[in-house]
């Protein structure tokens, strides 16, 4: 899939996307477009049953990365509790191995650095560590607990 840039015959102008929220400088727009990572989500049971077909097509289209989605995958199998249990690991491992086989980088979401080693050992080099709202919530809870402990004796 070719990016819509002047170098590829693209006709789309500058669009107000997320970068516009921080006083976006249009002089860097083309370089930003050319640095885009094309990622697909692997998060449904039906996708895993056709994984070779999906990854073959993804390879043809220039997909850079796969993103494993354990929550949606578990739900699509009718097993919401599968996420977060070791029983999901064989499915996850298959996505990682197949992605690497097709030359597409797998990306994994983890809650903290301590979870990365298992994935690094499988060849994963790209991670999403936490979500902003969970990181923010955790920091606020820590602050609140600290203040509660400090002021309780008063």
C-alpha atoms as a PDB file:
ATOM      1  CA  UNK A   1       0.000   0.000   0.000  1.00  0.00           C
ATOM      2  CA  UNK A   2       1.648   3.208  -1.152  1.00  0.00           C
ATOM      3  CA  UNK A   3       1.527   6.261   1.049  1.00  0.00           C
ATOM      4  CA  UNK A   4      -0.310   9.277  -0.309  1.00  0.00           C
ATOM      5  CA  UNK A   5       2.671  11.588  -0.849  1.00  0.00           C
ATOM      6  CA  UNK A   6       3.860  13.705  -3.795  1.00  0.00           C
ATOM      7  CA  UNK A   7       6.601  11.124  -4.430  1.00  0.00           C
ATOM      8  CA  UNK A   8       3.997   8.368  -4.967  1.00  0.00           C
ATOM      9  CA  UNK A   9       1.538  10.387  -7.037  1.00  0.00           C
ATOM     10  CA  UNK A  10      -0.612  11.167  -4.016  1.00  0.00           C
ATOM     11  CA  UNK A  11      -3.239  13.870  -4.267  1.00  0.00           C
ATOM     12  CA  UNK A  12      -4.276  14.319  -0.631  1.00  0.00           C
ATOM     13  CA  UNK A  13      -3.244  17.533   1.068  1.00  0.00           C
ATOM     14  CA  UNK A  14      -2.268  18.138   4.650  1.00  0.00           C
ATOM     15  CA  UNK A  15      -4.939  16.715   6.936  1.00  0.00           C
ATOM     16  CA  UNK A  16      -5.499  17.714  10.538  1.00  0.00           C
ATOM     17  CA  UNK A  17      -4.635  14.438  12.173  1.00  0.00           C
ATOM     18  CA  UNK A  18      -3.420  13.830  15.724  1.00  0.00           C
ATOM     19  CA  UNK A  19      -0.157  15.764  15.279  1.00  0.00           C
ATOM     20  CA  UNK A  20      -2.228  18.928  14.736  1.00  0.00           C
ATOM     21  CA  UNK A  21      -3.064  18.858  18.427  1.00  0.00           C
ATOM     22  CA  UNK A  22       0.439  20.053  19.274  1.00  0.00           C
ATOM     23  CA  UNK A  23       0.710  23.038  16.881  1.00  0.00           C
ATOM     24  CA  UNK A  24       1.807  20.866  13.975  1.00  0.00           C
ATOM     25  CA  UNK A  25       4.533  22.213  11.694  1.00  0.00           C
ATOM     26  CA  UNK A  26       3.615  21.306   8.098  1.00  0.00           C
ATOM     27  CA  UNK A  27       7.275  21.505   7.009  1.00  0.00           C
ATOM     28  CA  UNK A  28       7.800  18.087   8.607  1.00  0.00           C
ATOM     29  CA  UNK A  29       4.564  16.587   7.284  1.00  0.00           C
ATOM     30  CA  UNK A  30       6.028  14.685   4.331  1.00  0.00           C
ATOM     31  CA  UNK A  31       8.792  13.133   6.444  1.00  0.00           C
ATOM     32  CA  UNK A  32       6.180  12.108   9.009  1.00  0.00           C
ATOM     33  CA  UNK A  33       4.025  10.462   6.340  1.00  0.00           C
ATOM     34  CA  UNK A  34       7.018   8.544   5.017  1.00  0.00           C
ATOM     35  CA  UNK A  35       7.838   7.257   8.505  1.00  0.00           C
ATOM     36  CA  UNK A  36       4.422   5.678   9.074  1.00  0.00           C
ATOM     37  CA  UNK A  37       4.356   2.083  10.291  1.00  0.00           C
ATOM     38  CA  UNK A  38       1.599   0.056   8.599  1.00  0.00           C
ATOM     39  CA  UNK A  39       0.234  -2.306  11.261  1.00  0.00           C
ATOM     40  CA  UNK A  40      -2.571  -4.869  11.268  1.00  0.00           C
ATOM     41  CA  UNK A  41      -4.324  -6.301  14.314  1.00  0.00           C
ATOM     42  CA  UNK A  42      -4.493 -10.055  14.792  1.00  0.00           C
ATOM     43  CA  UNK A  43      -7.326 -10.281  17.279  1.00  0.00           C
ATOM     44  CA  UNK A  44     -10.051 -12.612  16.037  1.00  0.00           C
ATOM     45  CA  UNK A  45     -10.264 -16.389  16.081  1.00  0.00           C
ATOM     46  CA  UNK A  46     -11.210 -16.419  12.388  1.00  0.00           C
ATOM     47  CA  UNK A  47      -7.977 -14.536  11.617  1.00  0.00           C
ATOM     48  CA  UNK A  48      -5.901 -17.190  13.367  1.00  0.00           C
ATOM     49  CA  UNK A  49      -7.631 -19.957  11.409  1.00  0.00           C
ATOM     50  CA  UNK A  50      -6.537 -18.176   8.194  1.00  0.00           C
ATOM     51  CA  UNK A  51      -3.264 -16.738   9.499  1.00  0.00           C
ATOM     52  CA  UNK A  52      -1.049 -17.830   6.589  1.00  0.00           C
ATOM     53  CA  UNK A  53      -3.482 -16.329   4.091  1.00  0.00           C
ATOM     54  CA  UNK A  54      -3.745 -13.086   6.070  1.00  0.00           C
ATOM     55  CA  UNK A  55       0.019 -12.724   6.500  1.00  0.00           C
ATOM     56  CA  UNK A  56       0.709 -13.568   2.862  1.00  0.00           C
ATOM     57  CA  UNK A  57      -1.631 -10.776   1.785  1.00  0.00           C
ATOM     58  CA  UNK A  58      -0.192  -8.452   4.443  1.00  0.00           C
ATOM     59  CA  UNK A  59       3.299  -9.115   3.099  1.00  0.00           C
ATOM     60  CA  UNK A  60       2.131  -8.281  -0.442  1.00  0.00           C
ATOM     61  CA  UNK A  61       0.560  -5.017   0.796  1.00  0.00           C
ATOM     62  CA  UNK A  62       3.695  -3.898   2.636  1.00  0.00           C
ATOM     63  CA  UNK A  63       2.487  -4.356   6.203  1.00  0.00           C
ATOM     64  CA  UNK A  64       5.307  -3.489   8.613  1.00  0.00           C
ATOM     65  CA  UNK A  65       3.967  -4.976  11.821  1.00  0.00           C
ATOM     66  CA  UNK A  66       1.343  -7.196  13.417  1.00  0.00           C
ATOM     67  CA  UNK A  67      -0.293  -6.339  16.734  1.00  0.00           C
ATOM     68  CA  UNK A  68      -1.581  -9.252  18.795  1.00  0.00           C
ATOM     69  CA  UNK A  69      -4.913  -8.577  20.526  1.00  0.00           C
ATOM     70  CA  UNK A  70      -5.468 -11.153  23.278  1.00  0.00           C
ATOM     71  CA  UNK A  71      -8.616  -9.574  24.763  1.00  0.00           C
ATOM     72  CA  UNK A  72     -10.567  -9.462  21.498  1.00  0.00           C
ATOM     73  CA  UNK A  73      -9.181 -12.858  20.480  1.00  0.00           C
ATOM     74  CA  UNK A  74     -10.388 -14.438  23.726  1.00  0.00           C
ATOM     75  CA  UNK A  75     -13.799 -12.843  23.387  1.00  0.00           C
ATOM     76  CA  UNK A  76     -14.117 -13.940  19.735  1.00  0.00           C
ATOM     77  CA  UNK A  77     -13.601 -17.546  20.877  1.00  0.00           C
ATOM     78  CA  UNK A  78     -16.307 -17.184  23.509  1.00  0.00           C
ATOM     79  CA  UNK A  79     -13.660 -17.491  26.254  1.00  0.00           C
ATOM     80  CA  UNK A  80     -13.233 -14.048  27.834  1.00  0.00           C
ATOM     81  CA  UNK A  81     -11.163 -15.547  30.671  1.00  0.00           C
ATOM     82  CA  UNK A  82      -8.560 -16.860  28.228  1.00  0.00           C
ATOM     83  CA  UNK A  83      -6.797 -13.494  28.147  1.00  0.00           C
ATOM     84  CA  UNK A  84      -4.192 -13.237  30.872  1.00  0.00           C
ATOM     85  CA  UNK A  85      -3.949 -17.001  31.348  1.00  0.00           C
ATOM     86  CA  UNK A  86      -1.109 -19.248  30.163  1.00  0.00           C
ATOM     87  CA  UNK A  87      -3.633 -21.090  27.958  1.00  0.00           C
ATOM     88  CA  UNK A  88      -3.508 -18.196  25.493  1.00  0.00           C
ATOM     89  CA  UNK A  89       0.263 -18.523  24.997  1.00  0.00           C
ATOM     90  CA  UNK A  90       0.125 -21.139  22.181  1.00  0.00           C
ATOM     91  CA  UNK A  91      -2.121 -18.816  20.115  1.00  0.00           C
ATOM     92  CA  UNK A  92       0.105 -15.851  20.866  1.00  0.00           C
ATOM     93  CA  UNK A  93       3.240 -17.859  20.026  1.00  0.00           C
ATOM     94  CA  UNK A  94       1.708 -18.870  16.687  1.00  0.00           C
ATOM     95  CA  UNK A  95       1.078 -15.221  15.767  1.00  0.00           C
ATOM     96  CA  UNK A  96       4.651 -14.301  16.727  1.00  0.00           C
ATOM     97  CA  UNK A  97       6.262 -17.217  14.865  1.00  0.00           C
ATOM     98  CA  UNK A  98       4.159 -16.783  11.738  1.00  0.00           C
ATOM     99  CA  UNK A  99       4.674 -13.017  11.661  1.00  0.00           C
ATOM    100  CA  UNK A 100       8.434 -13.513  11.824  1.00  0.00           C
ATOM    101  CA  UNK A 101       8.228 -16.250   9.170  1.00  0.00           C
ATOM    102  CA  UNK A 102       6.578 -13.756   6.803  1.00  0.00           C
ATOM    103  CA  UNK A 103       9.108 -11.043   7.655  1.00  0.00           C
ATOM    104  CA  UNK A 104       6.566  -8.913   9.515  1.00  0.00           C
ATOM    105  CA  UNK A 105       7.565  -7.590  12.931  1.00  0.00           C
ATOM    106  CA  UNK A 106       5.253  -8.688  15.761  1.00  0.00           C
ATOM    107  CA  UNK A 107       4.352  -6.094  18.407  1.00  0.00           C
ATOM    108  CA  UNK A 108       3.150  -7.126  21.847  1.00  0.00           C
ATOM    109  CA  UNK A 109       1.393  -5.153  24.568  1.00  0.00           C
ATOM    110  CA  UNK A 110       2.832  -5.690  28.032  1.00  0.00           C
ATOM    111  CA  UNK A 111       2.077  -4.124  31.405  1.00  0.00           C
ATOM    112  CA  UNK A 112       5.692  -3.730  32.475  1.00  0.00           C
ATOM    113  CA  UNK A 113       9.316  -4.351  31.590  1.00  0.00           C
ATOM    114  CA  UNK A 114       9.378  -7.588  33.609  1.00  0.00           C
ATOM    115  CA  UNK A 115       7.050  -9.211  31.033  1.00  0.00           C
ATOM    116  CA  UNK A 116       9.308  -8.503  28.031  1.00  0.00           C
ATOM    117  CA  UNK A 117      11.899 -11.298  28.393  1.00  0.00           C
ATOM    118  CA  UNK A 118       9.505 -14.116  27.427  1.00  0.00           C
ATOM    119  CA  UNK A 119       8.693 -12.279  24.202  1.00  0.00           C
ATOM    120  CA  UNK A 120      12.265 -11.237  23.457  1.00  0.00           C
ATOM    121  CA  UNK A 121      13.201 -14.928  23.673  1.00  0.00           C
ATOM    122  CA  UNK A 122      10.591 -15.561  20.940  1.00  0.00           C
ATOM    123  CA  UNK A 123      12.054 -12.891  18.661  1.00  0.00           C
ATOM    124  CA  UNK A 124       9.793  -9.933  19.500  1.00  0.00           C
ATOM    125  CA  UNK A 125      11.544  -6.551  19.369  1.00  0.00           C
ATOM    126  CA  UNK A 126       8.577  -4.153  19.446  1.00  0.00           C
ATOM    127  CA  UNK A 127       6.438  -3.470  22.494  1.00  0.00           C
ATOM    128  CA  UNK A 128       3.671  -1.251  23.778  1.00  0.00           C
ATOM    129  CA  UNK A 129       4.314  -0.894  27.502  1.00  0.00           C
ATOM    130  CA  UNK A 130       1.122   0.012  29.304  1.00  0.00           C
ATOM    131  CA  UNK A 131      -1.625   2.351  28.234  1.00  0.00           C
ATOM    132  CA  UNK A 132      -1.600   6.008  29.143  1.00  0.00           C
ATOM    133  CA  UNK A 133      -4.812   5.802  31.139  1.00  0.00           C
ATOM    134  CA  UNK A 134      -3.571   2.816  33.176  1.00  0.00           C
ATOM    135  CA  UNK A 135      -0.198   4.446  33.824  1.00  0.00           C
ATOM    136  CA  UNK A 136      -1.959   7.650  34.861  1.00  0.00           C
ATOM    137  CA  UNK A 137      -4.416   5.754  37.099  1.00  0.00           C
ATOM    138  CA  UNK A 138      -1.595   3.829  38.770  1.00  0.00           C
ATOM    139  CA  UNK A 139       0.359   7.023  39.498  1.00  0.00           C
ATOM    140  CA  UNK A 140      -2.731   8.737  40.919  1.00  0.00           C
ATOM    141  CA  UNK A 141      -3.548   5.738  43.109  1.00  0.00           C
ATOM    142  CA  UNK A 142       0.015   5.691  44.433  1.00  0.00           C
ATOM    143  CA  UNK A 143      -0.186   9.405  45.249  1.00  0.00           C
ATOM    144  CA  UNK A 144      -3.570   8.978  46.919  1.00  0.00           C
ATOM    145  CA  UNK A 145      -2.447   6.011  49.002  1.00  0.00           C
ATOM    146  CA  UNK A 146       0.667   7.894  50.050  1.00  0.00           C
ATOM    147  CA  UNK A 147      -1.355  10.890  51.181  1.00  0.00           C
ATOM    148  CA  UNK A 148      -3.868   8.648  52.967  1.00  0.00           C
ATOM    149  CA  UNK A 149      -1.069   6.899  54.863  1.00  0.00           C
ATOM    150  CA  UNK A 150       0.510  10.239  55.739  1.00  0.00           C
ATOM    151  CA  UNK A 151      -2.699  11.902  56.937  1.00  0.00           C
ATOM    152  CA  UNK A 152      -4.430   8.913  58.608  1.00  0.00           C
ATOM    153  CA  UNK A 153      -2.791   9.492  62.005  1.00  0.00           C
ATOM    154  CA  UNK A 154      -3.875  13.156  62.094  1.00  0.00           C
END
